[in-house]
Amino acid sequence: MIKWDNGEKDELYYMDQYGEFWDDVSNKRLDKNKVMEARLHEITQIYRHKVYTKVPIQQCWTRTGKAPIRVKWIDINKGDDVNMEVRCRMVGKEFNTGETY
């Protein structure tokens, strides 16, 4: 559990839920500490830039008639096997509505 500068408390998604992390491009195992550090950096930036406002899930259903957008982590090593430079991004899932324009 992390307490942010704005006083909120949030869990880092999947931070300790799984014991191993894998590169989404090369499928190689990543250093857990480097992944946790990179995810913390990403979440800090999300809060700093006020990407979203946290509201009750019911408010999403009431206003849009749909569920909130799900997210997932993309973890990659921009370095090499010796000098890892892990980058993590939180991305939205399932934007395809099946409609074509």
N, C-alpha and C. Protein backbone atom coordinates (compact mmCIF):
# COMPACT_ATOMS: atom_id res chain seq x y z
N MET A 1 0.85 -1.18 0.00
CA MET A 1 0.00 0.00 0.00
C MET A 1 0.89 1.24 0.00
N ILE A 2 0.56 2.19 -0.82
CA ILE A 2 1.35 3.41 -0.94
C ILE A 2 0.47 4.60 -0.64
N LYS A 3 0.99 5.53 0.11
CA LYS A 3 0.27 6.77 0.37
C LYS A 3 0.87 7.84 -0.53
N TRP A 4 0.03 8.47 -1.34
CA TRP A 4 0.48 9.48 -2.29
C TRP A 4 0.48 10.85 -1.66
N ASP A 5 1.10 11.80 -2.34
CA ASP A 5 1.18 13.17 -1.85
C ASP A 5 -0.20 13.79 -1.63
N ASN A 6 -1.18 13.33 -2.40
CA ASN A 6 -2.52 13.90 -2.28
C ASN A 6 -3.31 13.27 -1.13
N GLY A 7 -2.67 12.39 -0.35
CA GLY A 7 -3.32 11.78 0.80
C GLY A 7 -4.03 10.49 0.51
N GLU A 8 -4.22 10.14 -0.78
CA GLU A 8 -4.91 8.90 -1.12
C GLU A 8 -4.01 7.70 -0.87
N LYS A 9 -4.63 6.58 -0.69
CA LYS A 9 -3.90 5.32 -0.58
C LYS A 9 -4.36 4.41 -1.71
N ASP A 10 -3.43 3.82 -2.42
CA ASP A 10 -3.76 2.91 -3.51
C ASP A 10 -2.79 1.75 -3.49
N GLU A 11 -3.26 0.62 -3.96
CA GLU A 11 -2.37 -0.51 -4.14
C GLU A 11 -1.80 -0.43 -5.54
N LEU A 12 -0.55 -0.82 -5.68
CA LEU A 12 0.04 -0.87 -7.01
C LEU A 12 -0.48 -2.13 -7.66
N TYR A 13 -1.11 -1.99 -8.84
CA TYR A 13 -1.72 -3.12 -9.51
C TYR A 13 -0.72 -4.23 -9.73
N TYR A 14 -1.03 -5.39 -9.24
CA TYR A 14 -0.25 -6.61 -9.46
C TYR A 14 1.18 -6.54 -8.94
N MET A 15 1.48 -5.58 -8.07
CA MET A 15 2.86 -5.41 -7.63
C MET A 15 3.45 -6.65 -6.99
N ASP A 16 2.77 -7.21 -6.06
CA ASP A 16 3.31 -8.37 -5.37
C ASP A 16 2.45 -9.61 -5.60
N GLN A 17 1.46 -9.49 -6.45
CA GLN A 17 0.55 -10.60 -6.68
C GLN A 17 1.27 -11.76 -7.37
N TYR A 18 2.16 -11.44 -8.26
CA TYR A 18 2.90 -12.46 -8.98
C TYR A 18 4.37 -12.32 -8.64
N GLY A 19 5.05 -13.45 -8.52
CA GLY A 19 6.45 -13.42 -8.13
C GLY A 19 7.39 -13.11 -9.27
N GLU A 20 6.95 -13.21 -10.52
CA GLU A 20 7.83 -13.00 -11.65
C GLU A 20 7.19 -12.06 -12.65
N PHE A 21 8.04 -11.33 -13.38
CA PHE A 21 7.59 -10.42 -14.41
C PHE A 21 8.32 -10.76 -15.70
N TRP A 22 7.62 -10.62 -16.82
CA TRP A 22 8.17 -11.00 -18.12
C TRP A 22 8.06 -9.85 -19.10
N ASP A 23 9.08 -9.69 -19.93
CA ASP A 23 9.11 -8.67 -20.96
C ASP A 23 8.01 -8.97 -21.99
N ASP A 24 7.17 -7.99 -22.28
CA ASP A 24 6.05 -8.20 -23.21
C ASP A 24 6.48 -8.29 -24.66
N VAL A 25 7.73 -7.94 -24.97
CA VAL A 25 8.22 -8.03 -26.34
C VAL A 25 9.08 -9.28 -26.52
N SER A 26 10.09 -9.44 -25.67
CA SER A 26 11.04 -10.57 -25.82
C SER A 26 10.64 -11.81 -25.04
N ASN A 27 9.71 -11.66 -24.10
CA ASN A 27 9.26 -12.74 -23.23
C ASN A 27 10.38 -13.26 -22.31
N LYS A 28 11.36 -12.39 -22.02
CA LYS A 28 12.43 -12.74 -21.07
C LYS A 28 12.03 -12.27 -19.68
N ARG A 29 12.55 -12.97 -18.70
CA ARG A 29 12.24 -12.63 -17.31
C ARG A 29 12.88 -11.29 -16.95
N LEU A 30 12.12 -10.46 -16.20
CA LEU A 30 12.59 -9.15 -15.76
C LEU A 30 12.88 -9.16 -14.27
N ASP A 31 13.79 -8.31 -13.85
CA ASP A 31 14.11 -8.15 -12.44
C ASP A 31 12.92 -7.52 -11.71
N LYS A 32 12.43 -8.20 -10.68
CA LYS A 32 11.23 -7.75 -9.97
C LYS A 32 11.40 -6.35 -9.38
N ASN A 33 12.54 -6.06 -8.80
CA ASN A 33 12.76 -4.74 -8.19
C ASN A 33 12.75 -3.63 -9.23
N LYS A 34 13.32 -3.90 -10.39
CA LYS A 34 13.33 -2.90 -11.46
C LYS A 34 11.92 -2.67 -12.00
N VAL A 35 11.13 -3.71 -12.09
CA VAL A 35 9.74 -3.57 -12.54
C VAL A 35 8.94 -2.77 -11.52
N MET A 36 9.09 -3.07 -10.25
CA MET A 36 8.36 -2.34 -9.22
C MET A 36 8.75 -0.86 -9.23
N GLU A 37 10.03 -0.58 -9.41
CA GLU A 37 10.50 0.81 -9.48
C GLU A 37 9.91 1.53 -10.69
N ALA A 38 9.90 0.85 -11.84
CA ALA A 38 9.36 1.46 -13.06
C ALA A 38 7.85 1.67 -12.96
N ARG A 39 7.13 0.74 -12.35
CA ARG A 39 5.68 0.90 -12.19
C ARG A 39 5.37 2.03 -11.22
N LEU A 40 6.14 2.14 -10.17
CA LEU A 40 5.95 3.24 -9.22
C LEU A 40 6.17 4.57 -9.93
N HIS A 41 7.18 4.65 -10.78
CA HIS A 41 7.44 5.87 -11.54
C HIS A 41 6.24 6.20 -12.44
N GLU A 42 5.71 5.21 -13.13
CA GLU A 42 4.56 5.42 -14.02
C GLU A 42 3.34 5.91 -13.24
N ILE A 43 3.06 5.28 -12.12
CA ILE A 43 1.90 5.68 -11.32
C ILE A 43 2.10 7.09 -10.76
N THR A 44 3.31 7.41 -10.35
CA THR A 44 3.61 8.76 -9.87
C THR A 44 3.34 9.79 -10.95
N GLN A 45 3.73 9.49 -12.19
CA GLN A 45 3.48 10.41 -13.30
C GLN A 45 1.99 10.54 -13.59
N ILE A 46 1.26 9.45 -13.49
CA ILE A 46 -0.19 9.48 -13.70
C ILE A 46 -0.84 10.42 -12.69
N TYR A 47 -0.43 10.32 -11.43
CA TYR A 47 -0.99 11.21 -10.40
C TYR A 47 -0.55 12.65 -10.63
N ARG A 48 0.72 12.85 -10.96
CA ARG A 48 1.26 14.19 -11.15
C ARG A 48 0.56 14.93 -12.28
N HIS A 49 0.23 14.22 -13.36
CA HIS A 49 -0.40 14.85 -14.51
C HIS A 49 -1.93 14.79 -14.47
N LYS A 50 -2.47 14.28 -13.36
CA LYS A 50 -3.92 14.23 -13.15
C LYS A 50 -4.63 13.61 -14.36
N VAL A 51 -4.19 12.42 -14.73
CA VAL A 51 -4.73 11.72 -15.89
C VAL A 51 -6.19 11.34 -15.69
N TYR A 52 -6.58 11.09 -14.47
CA TYR A 52 -7.96 10.69 -14.20
C TYR A 52 -8.36 11.19 -12.82
N THR A 53 -9.63 11.13 -12.56
CA THR A 53 -10.18 11.42 -11.24
C THR A 53 -10.83 10.16 -10.73
N LYS A 54 -10.47 9.77 -9.54
CA LYS A 54 -11.01 8.55 -8.95
C LYS A 54 -12.45 8.81 -8.49
N VAL A 55 -13.37 7.98 -8.97
CA VAL A 55 -14.78 8.09 -8.60
C VAL A 55 -15.32 6.69 -8.32
N PRO A 56 -16.47 6.58 -7.67
CA PRO A 56 -17.06 5.27 -7.46
C PRO A 56 -17.40 4.59 -8.79
N ILE A 57 -17.25 3.30 -8.88
CA ILE A 57 -17.54 2.55 -10.10
C ILE A 57 -18.99 2.76 -10.53
N GLN A 58 -19.90 2.86 -9.57
CA GLN A 58 -21.31 3.06 -9.91
C GLN A 58 -21.52 4.34 -10.71
N GLN A 59 -20.72 5.36 -10.46
CA GLN A 59 -20.85 6.61 -11.21
C GLN A 59 -20.56 6.39 -12.70
N CYS A 60 -19.61 5.53 -13.01
CA CYS A 60 -19.31 5.20 -14.40
C CYS A 60 -20.52 4.54 -15.06
N TRP A 61 -21.10 3.56 -14.37
CA TRP A 61 -22.27 2.87 -14.91
C TRP A 61 -23.44 3.83 -15.10
N THR A 62 -23.65 4.71 -14.13
CA THR A 62 -24.77 5.65 -14.17
C THR A 62 -24.63 6.63 -15.33
N ARG A 63 -23.44 7.18 -15.53
CA ARG A 63 -23.24 8.21 -16.56
C ARG A 63 -23.08 7.65 -17.97
N THR A 64 -22.45 6.47 -18.09
CA THR A 64 -22.16 5.95 -19.44
C THR A 64 -22.94 4.70 -19.79
N GLY A 65 -23.47 4.01 -18.78
CA GLY A 65 -24.14 2.75 -19.03
C GLY A 65 -23.17 1.62 -19.33
N LYS A 66 -21.89 1.86 -19.10
CA LYS A 66 -20.85 0.87 -19.38
C LYS A 66 -19.92 0.72 -18.19
N ALA A 67 -19.16 -0.37 -18.21
CA ALA A 67 -18.17 -0.62 -17.16
C ALA A 67 -16.97 0.30 -17.36
N PRO A 68 -16.20 0.54 -16.30
CA PRO A 68 -14.97 1.33 -16.46
C PRO A 68 -14.00 0.64 -17.42
N ILE A 69 -13.13 1.43 -18.02
CA ILE A 69 -12.12 0.89 -18.92
C ILE A 69 -11.10 0.11 -18.10
N ARG A 70 -10.85 -1.12 -18.51
CA ARG A 70 -9.86 -1.94 -17.82
C ARG A 70 -8.46 -1.55 -18.27
N VAL A 71 -7.49 -1.77 -17.41
CA VAL A 71 -6.10 -1.45 -17.73
C VAL A 71 -5.23 -2.66 -17.52
N LYS A 72 -4.05 -2.62 -18.13
CA LYS A 72 -3.05 -3.66 -17.89
C LYS A 72 -1.68 -3.03 -17.99
N TRP A 73 -0.68 -3.72 -17.47
CA TRP A 73 0.70 -3.26 -17.51
C TRP A 73 1.41 -3.84 -18.72
N ILE A 74 2.20 -2.99 -19.38
CA ILE A 74 3.12 -3.42 -20.42
C ILE A 74 4.51 -3.18 -19.86
N ASP A 75 5.29 -4.23 -19.68
CA ASP A 75 6.63 -4.16 -19.10
C ASP A 75 7.64 -4.55 -20.17
N ILE A 76 8.64 -3.70 -20.40
CA ILE A 76 9.67 -4.05 -21.38
C ILE A 76 11.04 -3.62 -20.87
N ASN A 77 12.08 -4.29 -21.38
CA ASN A 77 13.45 -3.95 -21.08
C ASN A 77 14.02 -3.20 -22.27
N LYS A 78 14.29 -1.90 -22.11
CA LYS A 78 14.85 -1.09 -23.19
C LYS A 78 16.36 -1.25 -23.28
N GLY A 79 16.95 -1.90 -22.28
CA GLY A 79 18.39 -2.12 -22.28
C GLY A 79 18.72 -3.50 -22.82
N ASP A 80 19.75 -4.13 -22.23
CA ASP A 80 20.11 -5.48 -22.62
C ASP A 80 20.06 -6.38 -21.40
N ASP A 81 20.51 -7.63 -21.54
CA ASP A 81 20.43 -8.58 -20.44
C ASP A 81 21.32 -8.19 -19.26
N VAL A 82 22.41 -7.49 -19.53
CA VAL A 82 23.35 -7.09 -18.48
C VAL A 82 22.92 -5.78 -17.84
N ASN A 83 22.59 -4.81 -18.65
CA ASN A 83 22.18 -3.48 -18.17
C ASN A 83 20.70 -3.26 -18.49
N MET A 84 19.85 -3.77 -17.61
CA MET A 84 18.41 -3.65 -17.83
C MET A 84 17.94 -2.21 -17.63
N GLU A 85 17.10 -1.76 -18.52
CA GLU A 85 16.43 -0.48 -18.40
C GLU A 85 14.94 -0.75 -18.57
N VAL A 86 14.29 -1.10 -17.46
CA VAL A 86 12.90 -1.53 -17.49
C VAL A 86 11.97 -0.32 -17.57
N ARG A 87 11.02 -0.39 -18.49
CA ARG A 87 9.98 0.62 -18.62
C ARG A 87 8.63 -0.06 -18.49
N CYS A 88 7.75 0.56 -17.75
CA CYS A 88 6.41 0.01 -17.55
C CYS A 88 5.39 1.09 -17.90
N ARG A 89 4.37 0.69 -18.62
CA ARG A 89 3.30 1.60 -18.97
C ARG A 89 1.96 0.96 -18.64
N MET A 90 1.08 1.76 -18.08
CA MET A 90 -0.28 1.31 -17.83
C MET A 90 -1.10 1.71 -19.05
N VAL A 91 -1.74 0.75 -19.66
CA VAL A 91 -2.49 1.02 -20.90
C VAL A 91 -3.93 0.56 -20.76
N GLY A 92 -4.82 1.22 -21.49
CA GLY A 92 -6.22 0.84 -21.52
C GLY A 92 -6.41 -0.41 -22.36
N LYS A 93 -7.39 -1.23 -22.00
CA LYS A 93 -7.69 -2.46 -22.73
C LYS A 93 -9.05 -2.38 -23.40
N GLU A 94 -9.19 -3.13 -24.47
CA GLU A 94 -10.48 -3.37 -25.11
C GLU A 94 -11.21 -2.11 -25.54
N PHE A 95 -10.55 -1.30 -26.35
CA PHE A 95 -11.21 -0.13 -26.91
C PHE A 95 -11.97 -0.47 -28.18
N ASN A 96 -11.71 -1.62 -28.78
CA ASN A 96 -12.38 -2.00 -30.02
C ASN A 96 -13.85 -2.30 -29.74
N THR A 97 -14.71 -1.51 -30.35
CA THR A 97 -16.15 -1.69 -30.14
C THR A 97 -16.77 -2.54 -31.24
N GLY A 98 -15.96 -2.91 -32.24
CA GLY A 98 -16.48 -3.70 -33.34
C GLY A 98 -17.04 -2.85 -34.47
N GLU A 99 -17.16 -1.56 -34.23
CA GLU A 99 -17.68 -0.66 -35.26
C GLU A 99 -16.54 -0.23 -36.16
N THR A 100 -16.82 -0.09 -37.45
CA THR A 100 -15.83 0.43 -38.38
C THR A 100 -16.30 1.77 -38.90
N TYR A 101 -15.36 2.62 -39.19
CA TYR A 101 -15.70 3.98 -39.63
C TYR A 101 -15.33 4.18 -41.06
